[in-house]
Protein backbone atom coordinates (compact mmCIF):
# COMPACT_ATOMS: atom_id res chain seq x y z
CA UNK A 1 -23.85 30.54 -7.17
CA UNK A 2 -23.08 26.94 -7.75
CA UNK A 3 -21.09 25.85 -10.46
CA UNK A 4 -21.63 22.28 -11.83
CA UNK A 5 -18.23 21.13 -10.61
CA UNK A 6 -19.12 22.24 -7.21
CA UNK A 7 -22.52 20.24 -7.23
CA UNK A 8 -20.45 17.11 -8.38
CA UNK A 9 -17.95 17.40 -5.68
CA UNK A 10 -20.70 17.76 -3.15
CA UNK A 11 -22.44 14.89 -4.32
CA UNK A 12 -19.25 12.76 -4.27
CA UNK A 13 -18.37 13.89 -0.80
CA UNK A 14 -21.82 13.04 0.41
CA UNK A 15 -21.67 9.65 -1.22
CA UNK A 16 -18.31 8.95 0.38
CA UNK A 17 -19.58 9.73 3.80
CA UNK A 18 -22.63 7.72 3.24
CA UNK A 19 -20.83 4.53 2.21
CA UNK A 20 -18.28 5.12 4.79
CA UNK A 21 -20.93 5.00 7.54
CA UNK A 22 -22.51 1.78 6.13
CA UNK A 23 -19.24 0.14 5.95
CA UNK A 24 -18.54 0.95 9.48
CA UNK A 25 -22.05 -0.38 10.44
CA UNK A 26 -21.31 -3.63 8.84
CA UNK A 27 -17.78 -3.93 10.36
CA UNK A 28 -19.32 -3.38 13.93
CA UNK A 29 -21.87 -5.86 13.17
CA UNK A 30 -19.34 -8.36 11.91
CA UNK A 31 -17.20 -7.75 15.15
CA UNK A 32 -20.38 -8.22 17.43
CA UNK A 33 -21.16 -11.51 15.78
CA UNK A 34 -17.69 -12.66 16.17
CA UNK A 35 -17.40 -11.71 19.74
CA UNK A 36 -20.85 -13.44 20.26
CA UNK A 37 -19.54 -16.62 18.88
CA UNK A 38 -16.52 -16.51 20.93
CA UNK A 39 -18.62 -15.91 24.25
CA UNK A 40 -20.58 -19.02 22.98
CA UNK A 41 -17.38 -20.99 22.75
CA UNK A 42 -16.34 -19.81 26.30
CA UNK A 43 -19.52 -20.77 27.71
CA UNK A 44 -19.61 -24.25 26.15
CA UNK A 45 -16.12 -24.88 27.07
CA UNK A 46 -16.57 -24.32 30.88
CA UNK A 47 -19.48 -27.16 31.08
């Protein structure tokens, strides 16, 4: 069956994947916010 070491490893892998996706989501949101700010600067600069 499952040994305690395998369960610990499984939990660790799941945690790494979970936090990796959270970090990627934050990076995408930050990039979108920066792009939006750049777009606003470009729009204001044209007037």
